Amino acid sequence: MTHVQRSVQRAGERFRGGDPDAGIETWHAFSFSGFYDPDNVRFGPLAACNEERLAPGAGFAEHTHRDVELVTWVIEGELTHEDSAGHVEIVRPGDVQRLSAGAGVRHSERNEGAVPLRFVQMWLTPAEYGGEPSYEVVRGIADGTPYALAGGEAVLHVRRLRAGERGSLPGAPWVYVHVVRGSVRLDDVVLDAGDAARLLDASVVEAEAVGSDVELLAWEMHAEPHFG
């Protein structure tokens, strides 16, 4: 793997947010809400990568988004999504959920199940601002199947590797790798669950599962953020 620059953010280096008293625990990879770090605002078009844990019955009340792409990956449990466009869905492990907020949409996210819910939610700047909101869930996405946002400037890759197995990810001007479970070796560094790597101008990215099975999310991004 050749690249101009690589940085690693360990799980313990994330900013902790949420509302533990309400059953909501959040770990932020980027500046978010009341936490601001001018050197950690975004990476390419990726502006948030939040690890969320919701206790049974907990959730985020209806709130508004605009001009953002929200992509969600459930790790454990079931996420109930409801929005002002009339979509009501249950998102399960292996599903990719996308909400394109467009000129504005309201939604809520809840854990209506009897077990804790864990998911990763990623926010990206859209290829175009405004327009009608849109929503979809891709059920049971297969290993290695790319999921591209509108315009193809950002592509999500889900990779699952068995212990000792090697795999590759496409290179791009910006590549963001988040480890969902297990430990993975990228070049000369080992990332554990919750860790992330940011790669600039990477060629093909080689990954190797270390010690156990691995699940990781990787964003292949080809464009600067769009503003206005």
C-alpha atoms as a PDB file:
ATOM      1  CA  MET A   1       0.000   0.000   0.000  1.00  0.00           C
ATOM      2  CA  THR A   2       1.495   3.332  -0.994  1.00  0.00           C
ATOM      3  CA  HIS A   3       0.040   6.607   0.174  1.00  0.00           C
ATOM      4  CA  VAL A   4       1.084  10.166   0.888  1.00  0.00           C
ATOM      5  CA  GLN A   5      -0.137  10.228   4.464  1.00  0.00           C
ATOM      6  CA  ARG A   6      -1.790   7.934   6.989  1.00  0.00           C
ATOM      7  CA  SER A   7      -3.242   8.776  10.378  1.00  0.00           C
ATOM      8  CA  VAL A   8      -4.769   6.409  12.914  1.00  0.00           C
ATOM      9  CA  GLN A   9      -7.446   7.207  15.470  1.00  0.00           C
ATOM     10  CA  ARG A  10      -7.812   4.655  18.236  1.00  0.00           C
ATOM     11  CA  ALA A  11     -11.219   3.883  19.708  1.00  0.00           C
ATOM     12  CA  GLY A  12     -10.197   5.460  23.022  1.00  0.00           C
ATOM     13  CA  GLU A  13      -9.266   8.720  21.292  1.00  0.00           C
ATOM     14  CA  ARG A  14     -12.800   9.396  20.129  1.00  0.00           C
ATOM     15  CA  PHE A  15     -14.810  12.150  21.796  1.00  0.00           C
ATOM     16  CA  ARG A  16     -17.528  10.708  24.010  1.00  0.00           C
ATOM     17  CA  GLY A  17     -20.985  12.217  23.733  1.00  0.00           C
ATOM     18  CA  GLY A  18     -24.571  11.044  23.937  1.00  0.00           C
ATOM     19  CA  ASP A  19     -26.680  10.952  27.084  1.00  0.00           C
ATOM     20  CA  PRO A  20     -25.781   7.919  29.216  1.00  0.00           C
ATOM     21  CA  ASP A  21     -28.609   8.669  31.666  1.00  0.00           C
ATOM     22  CA  ALA A  22     -31.046   8.288  28.772  1.00  0.00           C
ATOM     23  CA  GLY A  23     -29.421   5.060  27.581  1.00  0.00           C
ATOM     24  CA  ILE A  24     -27.487   6.725  24.732  1.00  0.00           C
ATOM     25  CA  GLU A  25     -23.714   6.329  24.439  1.00  0.00           C
ATOM     26  CA  THR A  26     -21.871   7.898  21.508  1.00  0.00           C
ATOM     27  CA  TRP A  27     -18.249   8.002  20.387  1.00  0.00           C
ATOM     28  CA  HIS A  28     -17.427  10.676  17.783  1.00  0.00           C
ATOM     29  CA  ALA A  29     -14.532  10.429  15.328  1.00  0.00           C
ATOM     30  CA  PHE A  30     -14.874  14.078  14.195  1.00  0.00           C
ATOM     31  CA  SER A  31     -15.889  17.421  15.664  1.00  0.00           C
ATOM     32  CA  PHE A  32     -19.541  17.134  16.594  1.00  0.00           C
ATOM     33  CA  SER A  33     -22.145  19.169  18.473  1.00  0.00           C
ATOM     34  CA  GLY A  34     -20.512  20.710  21.573  1.00  0.00           C
ATOM     35  CA  PHE A  35     -17.058  19.305  20.773  1.00  0.00           C
ATOM     36  CA  TYR A  36     -15.023  21.266  18.211  1.00  0.00           C
ATOM     37  CA  ASP A  37     -11.510  20.567  17.024  1.00  0.00           C
ATOM     38  CA  PRO A  38     -10.542  22.771  14.039  1.00  0.00           C
ATOM     39  CA  ASP A  39      -8.038  20.141  12.913  1.00  0.00           C
ATOM     40  CA  ASN A  40     -10.647  17.362  12.922  1.00  0.00           C
ATOM     41  CA  VAL A  41     -13.694  18.676  11.108  1.00  0.00           C
ATOM     42  CA  ARG A  42     -13.864  16.300   8.151  1.00  0.00           C
ATOM     43  CA  PHE A  43     -11.879  13.959   5.919  1.00  0.00           C
ATOM     44  CA  GLY A  44     -12.735  14.425   2.276  1.00  0.00           C
ATOM     45  CA  PRO A  45     -16.551  14.571   2.205  1.00  0.00           C
ATOM     46  CA  LEU A  46     -16.835  12.483   5.405  1.00  0.00           C
ATOM     47  CA  ALA A  47     -17.891  14.743   8.293  1.00  0.00           C
ATOM     48  CA  ALA A  48     -18.989  12.256  10.974  1.00  0.00           C
ATOM     49  CA  CYS A  49     -18.444   8.656  11.974  1.00  0.00           C
ATOM     50  CA  ASN A  50     -20.378   8.032  15.177  1.00  0.00           C
ATOM     51  CA  GLU A  51     -20.469   4.772  17.086  1.00  0.00           C
ATOM     52  CA  GLU A  52     -23.833   4.620  18.853  1.00  0.00           C
ATOM     53  CA  ARG A  53     -25.129   2.351  21.600  1.00  0.00           C
ATOM     54  CA  LEU A  54     -28.803   2.559  22.555  1.00  0.00           C
ATOM     55  CA  ALA A  55     -30.251   0.693  25.500  1.00  0.00           C
ATOM     56  CA  PRO A  56     -33.633  -1.005  25.000  1.00  0.00           C
ATOM     57  CA  GLY A  57     -36.275   1.723  24.745  1.00  0.00           C
ATOM     58  CA  ALA A  58     -33.734   4.507  24.151  1.00  0.00           C
ATOM     59  CA  GLY A  59     -33.491   6.613  21.043  1.00  0.00           C
ATOM     60  CA  PHE A  60     -33.154   9.965  19.337  1.00  0.00           C
ATOM     61  CA  ALA A  61     -36.391  11.943  19.208  1.00  0.00           C
ATOM     62  CA  GLU A  62     -37.497  13.447  15.907  1.00  0.00           C
ATOM     63  CA  HIS A  63     -35.001  16.021  14.646  1.00  0.00           C
ATOM     64  CA  THR A  64     -34.162  17.746  11.359  1.00  0.00           C
ATOM     65  CA  HIS A  65     -31.330  17.294   8.866  1.00  0.00           C
ATOM     66  CA  ARG A  66     -30.604  19.044   5.593  1.00  0.00           C
ATOM     67  CA  ASP A  67     -27.892  18.812   2.921  1.00  0.00           C
ATOM     68  CA  VAL A  68     -26.262  15.705   4.324  1.00  0.00           C
ATOM     69  CA  GLU A  69     -26.042  12.014   3.438  1.00  0.00           C
ATOM     70  CA  LEU A  70     -26.517   9.749   6.463  1.00  0.00           C
ATOM     71  CA  VAL A  71     -25.346   6.162   6.031  1.00  0.00           C
ATOM     72  CA  THR A  72     -25.963   3.682   8.856  1.00  0.00           C
ATOM     73  CA  TRP A  73     -24.526   0.225   9.540  1.00  0.00           C
ATOM     74  CA  VAL A  74     -26.075  -1.825  12.355  1.00  0.00           C
ATOM     75  CA  ILE A  75     -23.679  -4.022  14.329  1.00  0.00           C
ATOM     76  CA  GLU A  76     -26.018  -5.613  16.871  1.00  0.00           C
ATOM     77  CA  GLY A  77     -29.729  -5.315  17.590  1.00  0.00           C
ATOM     78  CA  GLU A  78     -32.366  -3.573  15.477  1.00  0.00           C
ATOM     79  CA  LEU A  79     -32.735   0.109  14.608  1.00  0.00           C
ATOM     80  CA  THR A  80     -36.221   1.541  14.048  1.00  0.00           C
ATOM     81  CA  HIS A  81     -36.175   4.481  11.622  1.00  0.00           C
ATOM     82  CA  GLU A  82     -39.113   6.806  10.977  1.00  0.00           C
ATOM     83  CA  ASP A  83     -39.066  10.005   8.910  1.00  0.00           C
ATOM     84  CA  SER A  84     -41.303  12.824   7.744  1.00  0.00           C
ATOM     85  CA  ALA A  85     -41.444  11.363   4.217  1.00  0.00           C
ATOM     86  CA  GLY A  86     -43.421   8.425   5.585  1.00  0.00           C
ATOM     87  CA  HIS A  87     -40.709   5.787   5.792  1.00  0.00           C
ATOM     88  CA  VAL A  88     -40.834   3.418   8.753  1.00  0.00           C
ATOM     89  CA  GLU A  89     -38.205   0.682   8.645  1.00  0.00           C
ATOM     90  CA  ILE A  90     -36.355  -1.732  10.902  1.00  0.00           C
ATOM     91  CA  VAL A  91     -32.665  -1.914  10.031  1.00  0.00           C
ATOM     92  CA  ARG A  92     -30.749  -5.042  11.036  1.00  0.00           C
ATOM     93  CA  PRO A  93     -27.115  -6.213  10.965  1.00  0.00           C
ATOM     94  CA  GLY A  94     -25.934  -6.563   7.381  1.00  0.00           C
ATOM     95  CA  ASP A  95     -28.251  -3.817   6.082  1.00  0.00           C
ATOM     96  CA  VAL A  96     -27.053  -0.463   4.758  1.00  0.00           C
ATOM     97  CA  GLN A  97     -29.431   2.441   5.398  1.00  0.00           C
ATOM     98  CA  ARG A  98     -29.126   5.753   3.538  1.00  0.00           C
ATOM     99  CA  LEU A  99     -31.051   8.935   4.237  1.00  0.00           C
ATOM    100  CA  SER A 100     -30.350  11.793   1.813  1.00  0.00           C
ATOM    101  CA  ALA A 101     -31.683  14.823   3.653  1.00  0.00           C
ATOM    102  CA  GLY A 102     -31.925  17.130   0.641  1.00  0.00           C
ATOM    103  CA  ALA A 103     -33.569  20.474   1.440  1.00  0.00           C
ATOM    104  CA  GLY A 104     -34.769  19.080   4.760  1.00  0.00           C
ATOM    105  CA  VAL A 105     -36.191  15.995   6.440  1.00  0.00           C
ATOM    106  CA  ARG A 106     -37.143  15.042   9.992  1.00  0.00           C
ATOM    107  CA  HIS A 107     -36.452  11.599  11.402  1.00  0.00           C
ATOM    108  CA  SER A 108     -36.204   9.610  14.607  1.00  0.00           C
ATOM    109  CA  GLU A 109     -34.088   6.591  15.520  1.00  0.00           C
ATOM    110  CA  ARG A 110     -35.017   4.197  18.322  1.00  0.00           C
ATOM    111  CA  ASN A 111     -34.199   0.861  19.856  1.00  0.00           C
ATOM    112  CA  GLU A 112     -37.570  -0.790  20.239  1.00  0.00           C
ATOM    113  CA  GLY A 113     -36.019  -4.206  20.839  1.00  0.00           C
ATOM    114  CA  ALA A 114     -35.269  -6.048  24.065  1.00  0.00           C
ATOM    115  CA  VAL A 115     -31.477  -6.091  23.592  1.00  0.00           C
ATOM    116  CA  PRO A 116     -28.905  -3.285  23.260  1.00  0.00           C
ATOM    117  CA  LEU A 117     -28.481  -1.713  19.830  1.00  0.00           C
ATOM    118  CA  ARG A 118     -25.070  -0.856  18.370  1.00  0.00           C
ATOM    119  CA  PHE A 119     -24.591   0.921  15.068  1.00  0.00           C
ATOM    120  CA  VAL A 120     -22.206   3.151  13.144  1.00  0.00           C
ATOM    121  CA  GLN A 121     -23.600   6.250  11.477  1.00  0.00           C
ATOM    122  CA  MET A 122     -21.575   8.210   8.946  1.00  0.00           C
ATOM    123  CA  TRP A 123     -22.374  11.679   7.595  1.00  0.00           C
ATOM    124  CA  LEU A 124     -21.110  12.912   4.227  1.00  0.00           C
ATOM    125  CA  THR A 125     -21.551  16.135   2.302  1.00  0.00           C
ATOM    126  CA  PRO A 126     -23.774  15.517  -0.747  1.00  0.00           C
ATOM    127  CA  ALA A 127     -22.791  15.872  -4.394  1.00  0.00           C
ATOM    128  CA  GLU A 128     -25.544  18.513  -4.755  1.00  0.00           C
ATOM    129  CA  TYR A 129     -27.361  20.630  -2.182  1.00  0.00           C
ATOM    130  CA  GLY A 130     -31.134  20.966  -1.868  1.00  0.00           C
ATOM    131  CA  GLY A 131     -33.674  18.827  -3.651  1.00  0.00           C
ATOM    132  CA  GLU A 132     -36.118  16.238  -2.390  1.00  0.00           C
ATOM    133  CA  PRO A 133     -35.014  13.921   0.415  1.00  0.00           C
ATOM    134  CA  SER A 134     -34.674  10.239  -0.402  1.00  0.00           C
ATOM    135  CA  TYR A 135     -34.289   7.025   1.558  1.00  0.00           C
ATOM    136  CA  GLU A 136     -33.393   3.391   1.013  1.00  0.00           C
ATOM    137  CA  VAL A 137     -32.299   0.243   2.834  1.00  0.00           C
ATOM    138  CA  VAL A 138     -30.183  -2.372   1.099  1.00  0.00           C
ATOM    139  CA  ARG A 139     -30.826  -5.668   2.852  1.00  0.00           C
ATOM    140  CA  GLY A 140     -28.066  -8.158   3.589  1.00  0.00           C
ATOM    141  CA  ILE A 141     -25.308  -6.481   1.634  1.00  0.00           C
ATOM    142  CA  ALA A 142     -22.761  -9.044   0.451  1.00  0.00           C
ATOM    143  CA  ASP A 143     -19.095  -8.946   1.291  1.00  0.00           C
ATOM    144  CA  GLY A 144     -17.206  -6.730  -1.124  1.00  0.00           C
ATOM    145  CA  THR A 145     -20.338  -5.268  -2.721  1.00  0.00           C
ATOM    146  CA  PRO A 146     -19.770  -1.526  -3.203  1.00  0.00           C
ATOM    147  CA  TYR A 147     -22.468   0.927  -2.189  1.00  0.00           C
ATOM    148  CA  ALA A 148     -22.131   4.247  -4.034  1.00  0.00           C
ATOM    149  CA  LEU A 149     -23.786   7.507  -3.087  1.00  0.00           C
ATOM    150  CA  ALA A 150     -25.342   9.675  -5.793  1.00  0.00           C
ATOM    151  CA  GLY A 151     -22.678  10.895  -8.188  1.00  0.00           C
ATOM    152  CA  GLY A 152     -20.320   8.058  -7.286  1.00  0.00           C
ATOM    153  CA  GLU A 153     -17.922  10.383  -5.491  1.00  0.00           C
ATOM    154  CA  ALA A 154     -18.142   8.322  -2.285  1.00  0.00           C
ATOM    155  CA  VAL A 155     -18.385   4.530  -2.250  1.00  0.00           C
ATOM    156  CA  LEU A 156     -18.795   2.368   0.852  1.00  0.00           C
ATOM    157  CA  HIS A 157     -17.125  -1.048   0.894  1.00  0.00           C
ATOM    158  CA  VAL A 158     -18.066  -3.674   3.496  1.00  0.00           C
ATOM    159  CA  ARG A 159     -15.395  -6.313   3.965  1.00  0.00           C
ATOM    160  CA  ARG A 160     -15.498  -9.451   6.072  1.00  0.00           C
ATOM    161  CA  LEU A 161     -12.305 -11.489   6.402  1.00  0.00           C
ATOM    162  CA  ARG A 162     -11.695 -14.766   8.182  1.00  0.00           C
ATOM    163  CA  ALA A 163      -8.748 -15.030  10.551  1.00  0.00           C
ATOM    164  CA  GLY A 164      -5.542 -14.943   8.517  1.00  0.00           C
ATOM    165  CA  GLU A 165      -7.350 -14.014   5.305  1.00  0.00           C
ATOM    166  CA  ARG A 166      -6.150 -11.131   3.151  1.00  0.00           C
ATOM    167  CA  GLY A 167      -8.252  -8.798   1.061  1.00  0.00           C
ATOM    168  CA  SER A 168      -7.925  -5.554  -0.832  1.00  0.00           C
ATOM    169  CA  LEU A 169      -9.822  -2.295  -0.974  1.00  0.00           C
ATOM    170  CA  PRO A 170      -9.789   0.232  -3.824  1.00  0.00           C
ATOM    171  CA  GLY A 171      -7.479   3.205  -3.487  1.00  0.00           C
ATOM    172  CA  ALA A 172      -8.662   6.799  -3.757  1.00  0.00           C
ATOM    173  CA  PRO A 173      -7.629  10.365  -2.877  1.00  0.00           C
ATOM    174  CA  TRP A 174      -9.322   9.785   0.499  1.00  0.00           C
ATOM    175  CA  VAL A 175      -9.822   6.341   2.045  1.00  0.00           C
ATOM    176  CA  TYR A 176     -11.364   5.981   5.504  1.00  0.00           C
ATOM    177  CA  VAL A 177     -11.291   2.552   7.174  1.00  0.00           C
ATOM    178  CA  HIS A 178     -13.334   1.828  10.303  1.00  0.00           C
ATOM    179  CA  VAL A 179     -12.992  -1.527  12.070  1.00  0.00           C
ATOM    180  CA  VAL A 180     -16.356  -2.857  13.217  1.00  0.00           C
ATOM    181  CA  ARG A 181     -15.103  -6.072  14.834  1.00  0.00           C
ATOM    182  CA  GLY A 182     -11.859  -8.014  15.127  1.00  0.00           C
ATOM    183  CA  SER A 183      -8.321  -6.832  14.373  1.00  0.00           C
ATOM    184  CA  VAL A 184      -6.950  -5.995  10.937  1.00  0.00           C
ATOM    185  CA  ARG A 185      -3.466  -5.214   9.659  1.00  0.00           C
ATOM    186  CA  LEU A 186      -3.160  -2.366   7.165  1.00  0.00           C
ATOM    187  CA  ASP A 187       0.395  -2.160   5.907  1.00  0.00           C
ATOM    188  CA  ASP A 188       2.482  -2.022   9.131  1.00  0.00           C
ATOM    189  CA  VAL A 189      -0.241  -1.049  11.611  1.00  0.00           C
ATOM    190  CA  VAL A 190      -2.837  -3.199  13.390  1.00  0.00           C
ATOM    191  CA  LEU A 191      -6.290  -1.717  13.993  1.00  0.00           C
ATOM    192  CA  ASP A 192      -8.697  -3.114  16.570  1.00  0.00           C
ATOM    193  CA  ALA A 193     -12.481  -2.758  16.861  1.00  0.00           C
ATOM    194  CA  GLY A 194     -13.435   0.914  16.978  1.00  0.00           C
ATOM    195  CA  ASP A 195     -10.127   2.079  15.482  1.00  0.00           C
ATOM    196  CA  ALA A 196      -9.977   3.958  12.189  1.00  0.00           C
ATOM    197  CA  ALA A 197      -7.347   4.875   9.603  1.00  0.00           C
ATOM    198  CA  ARG A 198      -7.383   7.859   7.255  1.00  0.00           C
ATOM    199  CA  LEU A 199      -5.352   7.398   4.074  1.00  0.00           C
ATOM    200  CA  LEU A 200      -4.498  10.110   1.564  1.00  0.00           C
ATOM    201  CA  ASP A 201      -3.793   9.287  -2.086  1.00  0.00           C
ATOM    202  CA  ALA A 202      -3.772   5.570  -1.409  1.00  0.00           C
ATOM    203  CA  SER A 203      -3.306   2.963  -4.086  1.00  0.00           C
ATOM    204  CA  VAL A 204      -4.926  -0.441  -3.515  1.00  0.00           C
ATOM    205  CA  VAL A 205      -5.272  -0.991   0.246  1.00  0.00           C
ATOM    206  CA  GLU A 206      -4.283  -4.448   1.516  1.00  0.00           C
ATOM    207  CA  ALA A 207      -5.944  -5.755   4.684  1.00  0.00           C
ATOM    208  CA  GLU A 208      -5.257  -8.888   6.710  1.00  0.00           C
ATOM    209  CA  ALA A 209      -7.413 -10.304   9.516  1.00  0.00           C
ATOM    210  CA  VAL A 210      -5.288 -10.822  12.631  1.00  0.00           C
ATOM    211  CA  GLY A 211      -6.236 -13.531  15.121  1.00  0.00           C
ATOM    212  CA  SER A 212      -9.987 -13.553  14.503  1.00  0.00           C
ATOM    213  CA  ASP A 213     -12.639 -12.800  11.895  1.00  0.00           C
ATOM    214  CA  VAL A 214     -12.875  -9.154  10.868  1.00  0.00           C
ATOM    215  CA  GLU A 215     -15.622  -6.825   9.674  1.00  0.00           C
ATOM    216  CA  LEU A 216     -14.670  -3.388   8.431  1.00  0.00           C
ATOM    217  CA  LEU A 217     -16.190  -0.429   6.623  1.00  0.00           C
ATOM    218  CA  ALA A 218     -14.122   1.517   4.100  1.00  0.00           C
ATOM    219  CA  TRP A 219     -15.044   4.716   2.297  1.00  0.00           C
ATOM    220  CA  GLU A 220     -13.495   5.301  -1.113  1.00  0.00           C
ATOM    221  CA  MET A 221     -13.848   9.055  -1.752  1.00  0.00           C
ATOM    222  CA  HIS A 222     -12.955  10.996  -4.873  1.00  0.00           C
ATOM    223  CA  ALA A 223     -14.127  14.596  -4.409  1.00  0.00           C
ATOM    224  CA  GLU A 224     -13.621  17.573  -2.138  1.00  0.00           C
ATOM    225  CA  PRO A 225     -16.592  18.532   0.056  1.00  0.00           C
ATOM    226  CA  HIS A 226     -19.271  20.603  -1.650  1.00  0.00           C
ATOM    227  CA  PHE A 227     -20.461  23.777   0.046  1.00  0.00           C
ATOM    228  CA  GLY A 228     -23.534  25.587  -1.203  1.00  0.00           C
END
